Protein backbone atom coordinates (compact mmCIF):
# COMPACT_ATOMS: atom_id res chain seq x y z
CA MET A 1 0.00 0.00 0.00
CA SER A 2 3.03 2.28 0.25
CA CYS A 3 2.88 3.02 -3.45
CA CYS A 4 -0.42 4.76 -2.82
CA GLY A 5 0.80 7.02 -0.05
CA LEU A 6 0.49 9.94 -2.47
CA LEU A 7 -3.28 9.46 -2.42
CA LEU A 8 -3.57 9.05 1.32
CA ILE A 9 -1.81 12.29 2.23
CA ALA A 10 -3.38 14.44 -0.49
CA PRO A 11 -4.64 17.88 0.67
CA GLN A 12 -8.32 18.67 0.60
CA PRO A 13 -9.17 21.26 -2.08
CA ALA A 14 -11.68 20.32 -4.79
CA VAL A 15 -10.80 16.95 -6.28
CA GLY A 16 -10.52 18.25 -9.85
CA GLU A 17 -8.16 21.06 -8.81
CA GLU A 18 -5.97 18.76 -6.72
CA ALA A 19 -5.72 16.15 -9.48
CA ALA A 20 -4.69 18.83 -11.96
CA VAL A 21 -1.91 20.03 -9.62
CA GLN A 22 -0.58 16.53 -9.06
CA LEU A 23 -0.78 15.59 -12.74
CA ALA A 24 1.08 18.76 -13.64
CA ASN A 25 3.94 17.67 -11.37
CA ALA A 26 4.06 14.04 -12.46
CA PRO A 27 7.19 12.04 -11.55
CA THR A 28 10.07 11.70 -13.97
CA LEU A 29 9.63 7.94 -13.72
CA ALA A 30 7.07 8.45 -16.47
CA GLN A 31 9.91 8.04 -18.97
CA GLN A 32 10.16 4.28 -18.47
CA ASP A 33 8.46 1.20 -20.03
CA GLY A 34 9.33 1.91 -23.61
CA GLY A 35 7.40 5.12 -23.77
CA VAL A 36 4.08 3.65 -22.58
CA ALA A 37 4.22 5.66 -19.36
CA VAL A 38 4.71 8.88 -21.33
CA VAL A 39 1.67 8.14 -23.50
CA LEU A 40 -0.40 7.19 -20.47
CA GLU A 41 0.48 10.47 -18.81
CA GLN A 42 -0.38 12.42 -21.93
CA GLN A 43 -3.71 10.64 -22.45
CA LEU A 44 -4.74 11.17 -18.83
CA ARG A 45 -3.90 14.87 -19.03
CA LEU A 46 -6.25 15.19 -22.01
CA ARG A 47 -9.25 13.82 -20.15
CA PRO A 48 -11.98 16.38 -19.41
CA ALA A 49 -12.12 17.82 -15.90
CA THR A 50 -15.61 16.41 -15.45
CA MET A 51 -14.41 12.83 -15.85
CA ASP A 52 -13.99 10.60 -12.82
CA GLU A 53 -10.35 10.89 -11.75
CA THR A 54 -9.95 7.52 -10.04
CA VAL A 55 -7.89 6.00 -12.84
CA ALA A 56 -5.76 9.14 -13.30
CA LEU A 57 -4.88 9.13 -9.61
CA PHE A 58 -4.21 5.39 -9.71
CA TYR A 59 -1.62 5.79 -12.46
CA LEU A 60 -0.14 8.87 -10.85
CA SER A 61 0.47 6.86 -7.66
CA ARG A 62 2.45 4.27 -9.64
CA ALA A 63 4.42 6.78 -11.76
CA TYR A 64 2.39 5.74 -14.83
CA ARG A 65 3.84 2.24 -14.92
CA PRO A 66 1.58 -0.20 -16.85
CA ALA A 67 -0.60 -2.48 -14.72
CA TRP A 68 -1.89 -5.01 -17.26
CA GLU A 69 1.20 -6.62 -18.78
CA HIS A 70 0.15 -10.15 -17.76
CA ALA A 71 -2.57 -11.61 -20.00
CA PRO A 72 -4.21 -13.86 -17.32
CA ARG A 73 -5.17 -10.79 -15.28
CA ALA A 74 -6.92 -9.24 -18.26
CA GLN A 75 -8.73 -12.53 -18.85
CA ALA A 76 -9.81 -12.59 -15.20
CA LEU A 77 -11.23 -9.08 -15.57
CA LEU A 78 -13.14 -10.16 -18.68
CA ALA A 79 -14.59 -13.13 -16.79
CA ALA A 80 -15.71 -10.84 -13.95
CA VAL A 81 -17.45 -8.52 -16.41
CA GLU A 82 -19.20 -11.43 -18.13
CA ALA A 83 -20.47 -12.60 -14.71
CA VAL A 84 -21.64 -9.17 -13.51
CA GLY A 85 -25.23 -10.16 -14.26
CA GLU A 86 -25.05 -12.17 -11.03
CA HIS A 87 -25.20 -8.80 -9.28
CA GLY A 88 -28.19 -7.65 -11.34
CA LEU A 89 -25.90 -5.39 -13.40
CA ASP A 90 -25.46 -5.21 -17.18
CA PRO A 91 -22.27 -6.49 -18.88
CA ALA A 92 -23.02 -4.09 -21.76
CA ASP A 93 -22.00 -1.19 -19.49
CA PHE A 94 -18.39 -2.40 -19.70
CA ARG A 95 -17.79 -2.51 -23.49
CA PRO A 96 -17.40 -6.31 -23.59
CA ALA A 97 -16.35 -6.53 -27.26
CA ALA A 98 -13.48 -4.08 -26.80
CA LEU A 99 -12.59 -5.75 -23.52
CA ARG A 100 -12.37 -9.19 -25.17
CA ALA A 101 -10.04 -7.81 -27.82
CA ALA A 102 -7.86 -6.14 -25.19
CA ALA A 103 -7.73 -9.31 -23.07
CA ALA A 104 -6.65 -11.34 -26.09
CA ALA A 105 -3.92 -8.91 -27.17
CA ASP A 106 -0.24 -9.46 -26.36
CA PRO A 107 1.10 -6.14 -25.00
CA ALA A 108 4.59 -6.98 -26.26
CA THR A 109 3.38 -6.81 -29.87
CA LEU A 110 1.66 -3.41 -29.51
CA SER A 111 2.98 0.07 -30.09
CA PRO A 112 3.28 2.39 -27.06
CA ALA A 113 0.09 4.19 -28.11
CA HIS A 114 -1.90 0.97 -28.38
CA ARG A 115 -0.44 -0.39 -25.15
CA ALA A 116 -1.53 2.79 -23.40
CA GLU A 117 -4.99 2.55 -24.96
CA ARG A 118 -5.28 -1.04 -23.73
CA GLU A 119 -4.09 -0.03 -20.26
CA LEU A 120 -6.72 2.67 -19.91
CA LEU A 121 -9.51 0.45 -21.20
CA LEU A 122 -8.71 -2.28 -18.67
CA SER A 123 -8.19 0.09 -15.74
CA ASP A 124 -11.30 2.14 -16.57
CA THR A 125 -13.30 -1.08 -16.78
CA LEU A 126 -12.04 -2.37 -13.45
CA ALA A 127 -12.64 0.99 -11.73
CA GLU A 128 -16.23 1.12 -13.05
CA LEU A 129 -16.82 -2.54 -12.17
CA LEU A 130 -15.67 -2.00 -8.58
CA ARG A 131 -17.78 1.13 -8.27
CA GLN A 132 -20.96 -0.56 -9.48
CA ILE A 133 -20.51 -3.75 -7.46
CA ARG A 134 -19.67 -1.95 -4.23
CA TYR A 135 -21.58 1.35 -4.39
CA GLY A 136 -24.16 0.88 -7.14
CA LYS A 137 -24.59 1.89 -10.75
CA LEU A 138 -27.00 4.71 -9.96
CA ASP A 139 -26.67 7.85 -7.90
CA PRO A 140 -29.68 7.60 -5.53
CA ARG A 141 -29.76 11.39 -5.29
CA SER A 142 -30.99 11.43 -8.89
CA LEU A 143 -34.07 9.48 -7.76
CA TYR A 144 -34.70 10.82 -4.23
CA ARG A 145 -34.15 14.50 -3.47
CA GLU A 146 -33.86 13.91 0.30
CA TRP A 147 -31.22 11.15 0.00
CA ASN A 148 -28.40 11.65 2.53
CA PHE A 149 -26.94 8.20 3.24
CA THR A 150 -23.14 7.94 3.31
CA PRO A 151 -21.96 8.64 -0.26
CA ALA A 152 -19.44 6.59 -2.19
CA PRO A 153 -15.82 7.51 -1.40
CA ASN A 154 -14.06 10.20 -3.39
CA PRO A 155 -11.68 9.34 -6.28
CA TYR A 156 -8.62 9.37 -4.00
CA GLU A 157 -10.06 6.60 -1.82
CA ARG A 158 -11.33 4.63 -4.80
CA ALA A 159 -7.89 4.87 -6.44
CA VAL A 160 -6.47 3.16 -3.32
CA GLU A 161 -9.16 0.46 -3.66
CA LEU A 162 -8.31 0.06 -7.34
CA ALA A 163 -4.60 -0.33 -6.57
CA GLY A 164 -5.34 -2.98 -3.95
CA VAL A 165 -7.42 -5.05 -6.37
CA VAL A 166 -4.93 -4.71 -9.24
CA GLN A 167 -2.17 -6.01 -6.96
CA ALA A 168 -4.24 -8.90 -5.56
CA ALA A 169 -2.94 -12.42 -6.15
CA GLU A 170 -6.39 -13.53 -7.39
CA LEU A 171 -8.03 -10.71 -9.33
CA ARG A 172 -11.45 -12.33 -9.73
CA ALA A 173 -11.69 -13.14 -6.02
CA ALA A 174 -10.64 -9.59 -5.12
CA ILE A 175 -13.36 -8.19 -7.40
CA ASP A 176 -16.04 -10.47 -5.95
CA ALA A 177 -14.98 -9.47 -2.43
CA HIS A 178 -16.01 -5.89 -3.20
CA ALA A 179 -19.71 -6.79 -3.19
CA PRO A 180 -21.62 -6.01 0.04
CA ASP A 181 -20.86 -8.65 2.66
CA LEU A 182 -24.46 -9.04 3.77
CA PRO A 183 -26.60 -12.22 4.05
CA LEU A 184 -29.46 -10.46 2.27
CA TYR A 185 -27.22 -9.56 -0.68
CA ARG A 186 -26.18 -13.20 -1.12
CA ALA A 187 -29.78 -14.39 -0.78
CA LEU A 188 -30.85 -11.88 -3.44
CA GLN A 189 -28.16 -13.18 -5.79
CA ARG A 190 -29.43 -16.73 -5.33
CA GLY A 191 -33.01 -15.55 -5.82
CA LEU A 192 -32.05 -13.69 -9.00
CA ALA A 193 -30.57 -16.86 -10.52
CA GLN A 194 -33.68 -18.82 -9.50
CA TYR A 195 -36.21 -16.38 -10.96
CA ARG A 196 -34.23 -15.89 -14.16
CA ALA A 197 -34.24 -19.66 -14.66
CA LEU A 198 -38.00 -19.73 -14.06
CA ALA A 199 -38.53 -16.82 -16.45
CA ALA A 200 -36.67 -18.75 -19.16
CA LEU A 201 -39.33 -21.48 -18.86
CA GLY A 202 -42.18 -19.02 -19.44
CA ASP A 203 -44.72 -17.19 -17.30
CA TRP A 204 -46.69 -18.68 -14.44
CA PRO A 205 -50.44 -19.34 -14.82
CA LYS A 206 -52.48 -16.22 -14.06
CA VAL A 207 -55.31 -16.09 -11.51
CA PRO A 208 -58.29 -14.17 -12.95
CA GLY A 209 -59.54 -11.13 -11.13
CA GLY A 210 -62.80 -11.12 -9.27
CA PRO A 211 -64.34 -10.65 -5.83
CA THR A 212 -62.34 -11.45 -2.71
CA LEU A 213 -61.97 -15.22 -2.38
CA ARG A 214 -62.23 -16.59 1.15
CA PRO A 215 -61.48 -20.03 2.59
CA GLY A 216 -64.25 -22.57 2.01
CA GLU A 217 -65.85 -20.69 -0.91
CA ARG A 218 -66.42 -22.15 -4.37
CA SER A 219 -65.26 -20.34 -7.50
CA GLY A 220 -64.23 -21.10 -11.05
CA ARG A 221 -61.01 -19.21 -10.29
CA VAL A 222 -59.83 -21.87 -7.82
CA ALA A 223 -58.43 -24.12 -10.56
CA ALA A 224 -56.20 -21.28 -11.80
CA LEU A 225 -55.10 -20.55 -8.23
CA ARG A 226 -54.16 -24.20 -7.75
CA ALA A 227 -52.19 -24.23 -11.02
CA ARG A 228 -50.36 -21.05 -10.05
CA LEU A 229 -49.23 -22.44 -6.69
CA GLN A 230 -48.21 -25.77 -8.24
CA ALA A 231 -45.99 -23.84 -10.66
CA ASP A 232 -44.36 -22.27 -7.60
CA GLY A 233 -43.41 -25.69 -6.26
CA GLU A 234 -46.41 -26.50 -4.07
CA ALA A 235 -47.29 -30.21 -4.20
CA GLY A 236 -50.25 -32.26 -3.00
CA LEU A 237 -52.91 -29.70 -3.99
CA ALA A 238 -55.20 -32.05 -5.95
CA ALA A 239 -58.79 -31.98 -4.70
CA ALA A 240 -62.04 -33.90 -5.26
CA ASP A 241 -63.86 -30.61 -5.86
CA PRO A 242 -61.67 -28.51 -8.21
CA ASN A 243 -63.71 -25.36 -7.53
CA ARG A 244 -63.59 -25.54 -3.73
CA TYR A 245 -61.09 -23.29 -1.95
CA ASP A 246 -60.25 -26.07 0.49
CA GLU A 247 -58.01 -26.23 3.55
CA THR A 248 -55.01 -27.68 1.68
CA LEU A 249 -55.08 -24.87 -0.85
CA VAL A 250 -55.64 -22.26 1.88
CA ALA A 251 -52.52 -23.53 3.68
CA ALA A 252 -50.50 -23.12 0.45
CA VAL A 253 -51.79 -19.57 0.04
CA ARG A 254 -50.88 -18.75 3.63
CA ARG A 255 -47.32 -19.96 2.98
CA PHE A 256 -47.21 -17.78 -0.11
CA GLN A 257 -48.43 -14.75 1.85
CA GLU A 258 -45.80 -15.33 4.54
CA ARG A 259 -43.03 -15.48 1.91
CA HIS A 260 -44.15 -12.09 0.63
CA GLY A 261 -44.55 -10.31 3.96
CA MET A 262 -48.33 -10.08 3.70
CA GLU A 263 -51.15 -10.64 6.16
CA VAL A 264 -51.28 -14.42 6.56
CA ASP A 265 -55.05 -14.98 6.42
CA GLY A 266 -55.54 -17.16 3.34
CA VAL A 267 -57.84 -14.54 1.82
CA ILE A 268 -57.29 -13.78 -1.89
CA GLY A 269 -57.75 -10.03 -1.93
CA ARG A 270 -56.29 -7.33 -4.17
CA GLN A 271 -52.73 -7.44 -2.85
CA THR A 272 -52.47 -11.23 -2.68
CA LEU A 273 -53.86 -11.49 -6.21
CA ALA A 274 -51.31 -8.97 -7.50
CA ALA A 275 -48.47 -10.89 -5.83
CA LEU A 276 -49.68 -14.19 -7.30
CA ASN A 277 -49.81 -12.69 -10.78
CA ALA A 278 -46.32 -11.16 -10.67
CA SER A 279 -44.26 -13.02 -13.29
CA PRO A 280 -40.82 -14.59 -12.67
CA ALA A 281 -39.30 -11.82 -14.82
CA GLN A 282 -40.97 -9.18 -12.64
CA ARG A 283 -39.63 -10.87 -9.50
CA ALA A 284 -36.15 -10.89 -11.05
CA ASP A 285 -36.46 -7.15 -11.66
CA GLN A 286 -37.61 -6.63 -8.08
CA ILE A 287 -34.49 -8.44 -6.89
CA ARG A 288 -32.26 -6.31 -9.14
CA ALA A 289 -33.76 -3.16 -7.64
CA ASN A 290 -33.02 -4.41 -4.13
CA LEU A 291 -29.46 -5.46 -4.94
CA GLU A 292 -28.88 -1.89 -6.10
CA ARG A 293 -30.44 -0.46 -2.93
CA LEU A 294 -28.19 -2.61 -0.77
CA ARG A 295 -25.13 -1.33 -2.58
CA TRP A 296 -26.22 2.23 -1.77
CA VAL A 297 -26.57 1.61 1.96
CA ALA A 298 -24.35 -1.38 2.79
CA GLN A 299 -21.67 0.67 4.53
CA ASP A 300 -24.30 2.23 6.81
CA LEU A 301 -26.13 -1.05 7.52
CA GLN A 302 -22.94 -2.74 8.71
CA GLN A 303 -22.49 -0.29 11.60
CA ASP A 304 -24.36 0.10 14.89
CA ARG A 305 -27.69 1.61 13.87
CA LEU A 306 -31.37 2.04 14.55
CA LEU A 307 -32.96 0.65 11.39
CA VAL A 308 -36.48 1.67 10.40
CA ASP A 309 -37.53 -0.92 7.81
CA ILE A 310 -40.30 0.97 6.02
CA THR A 311 -41.92 -1.82 3.99
CA GLY A 312 -41.35 -4.39 6.73
CA TYR A 313 -43.18 -2.18 9.29
CA HIS A 314 -40.37 -3.06 11.69
CA ALA A 315 -37.55 -1.29 13.53
CA ASP A 316 -34.58 -2.69 15.39
CA LEU A 317 -31.54 -1.34 17.21
CA ARG A 318 -28.19 -3.10 16.80
CA LEU A 319 -25.30 -2.36 19.14
CA GLY A 320 -22.01 -4.21 18.99
CA GLY A 321 -23.39 -6.46 16.27
CA GLU A 322 -26.32 -7.63 18.43
CA THR A 323 -30.00 -6.76 18.16
CA VAL A 324 -30.92 -5.20 21.52
CA TRP A 325 -34.38 -3.88 20.67
CA ALA A 326 -37.05 -4.59 18.05
CA SER A 327 -40.55 -3.27 17.53
CA ARG A 328 -43.43 -3.14 15.12
CA ILE A 329 -43.93 0.29 13.56
CA ILE A 330 -46.41 2.28 11.51
CA VAL A 331 -45.11 4.28 8.53
CA GLY A 332 -46.44 6.84 6.07
CA ARG A 333 -49.22 5.92 3.73
CA PRO A 334 -48.49 6.04 -0.03
CA THR A 335 -49.85 9.58 -0.34
CA ARG A 336 -47.58 10.75 2.55
CA LYS A 337 -44.49 8.65 2.23
CA THR A 338 -41.92 8.18 4.97
CA PRO A 339 -38.69 9.32 3.30
CA SER A 340 -35.47 7.31 3.14
CA LEU A 341 -33.04 9.15 5.41
CA ARG A 342 -29.85 8.76 7.39
CA ASP A 343 -30.35 10.67 10.62
CA SER A 344 -29.78 10.68 14.37
CA VAL A 345 -31.88 11.15 17.51
CA VAL A 346 -31.35 14.68 18.84
CA ASN A 347 -33.36 14.33 22.03
CA LEU A 348 -36.39 12.74 23.63
CA VAL A 349 -39.53 14.65 24.52
CA PHE A 350 -41.70 13.25 27.29
CA ASN A 351 -45.42 14.06 27.11
CA PRO A 352 -44.90 16.00 23.85
CA LYS A 353 -47.21 18.65 22.52
CA TRP A 354 -48.04 18.30 18.84
CA VAL A 355 -47.67 21.20 16.46
CA VAL A 356 -49.55 20.20 13.33
CA PRO A 357 -47.11 20.15 10.37
CA PRO A 358 -47.91 22.09 7.17
CA THR A 359 -49.02 19.10 5.09
CA ILE A 360 -51.56 17.90 7.67
CA LEU A 361 -52.71 21.47 8.25
CA ARG A 362 -53.27 22.02 4.55
CA GLU A 363 -54.75 18.65 3.64
CA ASP A 364 -56.58 17.61 6.82
CA VAL A 365 -57.23 20.36 9.35
CA ILE A 366 -58.37 23.21 7.12
CA PRO A 367 -60.67 21.02 4.97
CA GLY A 368 -61.93 19.42 8.20
CA MET A 369 -62.90 22.80 9.62
CA VAL A 370 -64.64 23.76 6.37
CA ARG A 371 -66.76 20.61 6.58
CA ASN A 372 -67.29 20.63 10.34
CA PRO A 373 -66.71 23.65 12.66
CA GLY A 374 -66.29 21.19 15.55
CA TYR A 375 -63.29 19.46 13.94
CA LEU A 376 -60.66 21.12 16.15
CA ALA A 377 -62.53 20.41 19.39
CA SER A 378 -63.11 16.77 18.46
CA HIS A 379 -59.35 16.30 17.93
CA ARG A 380 -58.27 18.31 21.01
CA LEU A 381 -56.66 20.94 18.78
CA ARG A 382 -56.46 24.68 19.33
CA VAL A 383 -55.29 27.65 17.28
CA VAL A 384 -52.41 29.79 18.58
CA ASP A 385 -50.67 32.82 17.13
CA ARG A 386 -46.91 33.26 16.86
CA SER A 387 -46.71 34.49 20.45
CA GLY A 388 -48.52 31.38 21.73
CA GLN A 389 -51.84 33.11 22.46
CA THR A 390 -55.01 31.13 21.79
CA VAL A 391 -57.09 32.35 18.83
CA ASP A 392 -60.84 31.78 18.56
CA PRO A 393 -61.36 29.52 15.49
CA GLU A 394 -64.71 31.21 14.79
CA HIS A 395 -62.79 34.35 13.80
CA ILE A 396 -60.85 32.56 11.03
CA ASP A 397 -61.93 32.34 7.40
CA TRP A 398 -61.30 28.62 7.01
CA ALA A 399 -62.68 28.45 3.47
CA GLY A 400 -60.12 30.99 2.30
CA ALA A 401 -57.23 29.81 4.46
CA ARG A 402 -55.70 27.43 1.90
CA GLY A 403 -55.47 30.11 -0.76
CA SER A 404 -54.41 33.08 1.36
CA GLY A 405 -51.98 31.33 3.70
CA PHE A 406 -52.45 30.50 7.36
CA PRO A 407 -50.71 32.78 9.89
CA TYR A 408 -51.39 30.57 12.93
CA MET A 409 -50.26 27.25 14.39
CA ILE A 410 -52.51 24.35 15.31
CA VAL A 411 -51.43 22.71 18.56
CA GLN A 412 -52.55 19.63 20.45
CA ALA A 413 -51.82 19.50 24.19
CA SER A 414 -49.78 16.62 25.57
CA GLY A 415 -51.39 13.58 27.11
CA PRO A 416 -51.70 9.82 26.63
CA ASP A 417 -54.53 10.40 24.13
CA GLY A 418 -52.44 12.86 22.11
CA SER A 419 -51.39 11.99 18.58
CA LEU A 420 -47.73 11.60 19.59
CA GLY A 421 -48.46 9.49 22.65
CA ARG A 422 -46.10 9.99 25.59
CA ILE A 423 -42.64 9.92 23.95
CA LYS A 424 -41.24 11.65 20.88
CA PHE A 425 -37.83 10.83 19.40
CA SER A 426 -36.72 14.06 17.72
CA LEU A 427 -34.55 13.65 14.62
CA SER A 428 -32.37 16.25 12.94
CA ASN A 429 -33.89 16.27 9.41
CA ARG A 430 -35.65 19.28 7.90
CA TYR A 431 -38.75 17.34 6.83
CA SER A 432 -40.46 17.23 10.27
CA ILE A 433 -40.06 13.44 10.29
CA TYR A 434 -39.49 11.78 13.66
CA LEU A 435 -40.35 8.67 15.67
CA HIS A 436 -43.04 8.71 18.34
CA ASP A 437 -45.45 6.80 20.53
CA THR A 438 -49.12 6.63 19.53
CA ASN A 439 -52.56 6.91 21.07
CA ALA A 440 -53.89 4.12 18.79
CA PRO A 441 -51.93 0.97 19.73
CA SER A 442 -54.56 -1.32 18.20
CA LEU A 443 -53.24 -0.39 14.73
CA PHE A 444 -50.07 -2.38 15.40
CA ARG A 445 -52.14 -5.57 15.10
CA ARG A 446 -52.61 -4.93 11.38
CA ALA A 447 -50.21 -6.73 9.04
CA GLU A 448 -49.96 -3.81 6.62
CA ARG A 449 -49.26 -0.61 8.49
CA ALA A 450 -48.65 2.20 5.98
CA LEU A 451 -51.11 4.42 7.84
CA SER A 452 -49.38 7.57 9.13
CA SER A 453 -48.75 11.01 7.66
CA GLY A 454 -45.03 10.31 7.23
CA CYS A 455 -43.68 10.03 10.78
CA VAL A 456 -42.92 6.64 12.32
CA ARG A 457 -45.06 5.34 15.18
CA VAL A 458 -43.26 2.91 17.50
CA GLU A 459 -44.95 0.13 19.46
CA LYS A 460 -42.26 -0.12 22.17
CA PRO A 461 -41.11 3.46 22.77
CA ALA A 462 -40.23 3.16 26.49
CA GLU A 463 -37.73 0.32 25.89
CA LEU A 464 -36.06 2.31 23.11
CA ALA A 465 -35.98 5.45 25.25
CA LEU A 466 -34.07 3.68 28.05
CA LEU A 467 -31.49 2.36 25.58
CA LEU A 468 -30.95 5.80 24.06
CA LEU A 469 -30.82 7.57 27.42
CA ASP A 470 -28.11 5.05 28.37
CA ASP A 471 -27.96 6.17 32.00
CA PRO A 472 -29.24 3.35 34.26
CA LEU A 473 -28.41 5.23 37.45
CA ARG A 474 -30.58 8.18 36.49
CA TRP A 475 -33.04 6.58 34.07
CA SER A 476 -34.39 3.27 35.28
CA ALA A 477 -37.71 1.95 33.99
CA GLU A 478 -39.33 3.29 37.17
CA ALA A 479 -37.81 6.77 36.74
CA LEU A 480 -39.00 6.89 33.14
CA ASP A 481 -42.52 5.85 34.15
CA SER A 482 -42.53 8.55 36.82
CA ALA A 483 -41.50 11.23 34.32
CA LEU A 484 -44.20 10.13 31.90
CA ASP A 485 -46.89 9.83 34.58
CA SER A 486 -46.21 13.39 35.72
CA GLY A 487 -47.81 14.68 32.53
CA ARG A 488 -45.16 17.41 32.29
CA THR A 489 -43.62 18.11 28.91
CA ARG A 490 -39.89 17.65 29.21
CA THR A 491 -36.99 17.48 26.74
CA VAL A 492 -34.05 15.20 27.59
CA ASN A 493 -30.81 14.74 25.67
CA VAL A 494 -29.86 11.22 24.65
CA GLY A 495 -26.86 9.60 26.27
CA ARG A 496 -26.15 7.25 23.36
CA GLU A 497 -25.52 8.57 19.88
CA VAL A 498 -26.70 6.15 17.25
CA THR A 499 -27.29 6.43 13.52
CA VAL A 500 -30.94 6.19 12.47
CA LEU A 501 -31.60 4.67 9.04
CA LEU A 502 -35.06 5.09 7.54
CA HIS A 503 -34.61 2.53 4.78
CA TYR A 504 -36.97 1.41 1.99
CA SER A 505 -36.51 -2.09 0.62
CA THR A 506 -38.94 -4.53 -0.97
CA ALA A 507 -36.83 -7.53 0.01
CA SER A 508 -35.69 -8.95 3.32
CA LEU A 509 -34.87 -12.18 5.11
CA ASP A 510 -37.55 -13.80 7.24
CA GLU A 511 -36.84 -15.24 10.68
CA ALA A 512 -35.64 -18.50 9.10
CA GLY A 513 -33.23 -16.66 6.80
CA ALA A 514 -35.30 -17.22 3.64
CA LEU A 515 -35.72 -14.49 1.05
CA GLN A 516 -38.93 -12.49 1.40
CA LEU A 517 -40.15 -10.34 -1.51
CA ARG A 518 -42.62 -7.69 -0.34
CA ASN A 519 -45.21 -5.34 -1.67
CA ASP A 520 -43.74 -2.16 -3.20
CA ILE A 521 -45.99 0.13 -1.15
CA TYR A 522 -44.60 3.37 -2.63
CA ASN A 523 -44.06 1.98 -6.17
CA TYR A 524 -40.34 2.81 -6.11
CA ASP A 525 -38.98 -0.33 -7.80
CA PRO A 526 -39.90 0.49 -11.44
CA ALA A 527 -37.83 3.69 -11.50
CA ILE A 528 -34.75 1.85 -10.23
CA VAL A 529 -35.17 -0.96 -12.76
CA ALA A 530 -35.60 1.53 -15.62
CA ALA A 531 -32.44 3.37 -14.57
CA LEU A 532 -30.50 0.10 -14.30
CA ASP A 533 -31.62 -0.84 -17.81
CA ALA A 534 -30.58 2.51 -19.28
CA PRO A 535 -27.12 2.68 -20.92
CA LEU A 536 -24.35 3.85 -18.64
CA ARG A 537 -23.59 7.53 -19.19
CA PRO A 538 -19.84 8.22 -19.36
């Protein structure tokens, strides 16, 4: 790694500016290797400033010495590119025809110009391959404006990674080791191979639409349902009455629902029908989208973190590699999505008051008051001005408030029946998204819990609060209960800093470690798949 010390001690101005300075002062060792180093230096200087500088910095660190003189290494790179589909990526992004020609060429027979051209093709390919496998093909910020997870490293750091792989004894193994080291990633790769093989055999039988089908009912659609589940590997489903939705078939449907993170009730409703009719090719695309998501967030997931699994309606806290807390949650409904964010808990608020956020004010409260003048009273809400003084709602033109702006705040007093419950976990984001208790615990019994206005409701807030306070002498369970029972609003700083990840994924592992493909509640997968299928932009 000493050959890369130049990269590790580089100053911190803009990357393009720094690279230009270092390239302008390139080492005199560039005169070696029969002129190849000179040509490499010249070609790299001619690259536009907007181009990724990883490869330029890599060659600078090695005084422009060639890195691909041994043909087996080039062949290993070609093999890795041809196998990149195992990661849900596209070999066409890596110019396979040109790569095959370069891998087959003998550098000793080439002119310095052609040797340099071959060098840059192979190094550019490896740098792009490592970037896509480890950090993803797409920039998630192009899809989600609020995205703030840890970004991919800068070109200096990636040049060090590139140098390490180039120098590895086994190039292919070093490339494969760059993929996220996560059980879910490996399960998704296996699932991708499985569904692609199924897609090659043709589509599954479709189950016709119709009214909700419940256990014990008779329907002409039952035969198609049985055929669909048999195509998925279910055996022993033959029945004396082919139109009866019998217990054996119900049990198969329940297993299917469990594999897809749905309510396990055996009822064939809209969501179960849609999942049954998803083709193997569509499932393969769903897996590709989730492989890409994991590459975006793998470096954050592998640390201590409080993970909010949006589509799984589940949160857990991992410390020291162990899960120390887990809870069911409620997330934003599709019209008020919970955003994907990397955040942290700023403080806890006991017995929090609720200041109605702008979206709920605009879309719920004002229309509610137009329809029913008693809306505020029925929800324990009051109007206050900027100085905190109560305003009589009868003096407000509610019908005109949406168009003319609303100069007041709507506030709900604290209390166990308040919308935020008794504990609020304040986050640092600018979207007014946070975690909190709830006054409607019965909703946690639902299997599908995309029900909120964007914030995350937590079923076990007191247990999480004690872990984040991290002060057993001052904050025992009894002390926390006493503070909550007092009814007094109180803000307390956390004693344990932990990263909070609000993460959206339509794939997970179930408790047995099997792959679970879920409902895309916010319809995010198609945009990722379309972007993956688009040609790579230089």
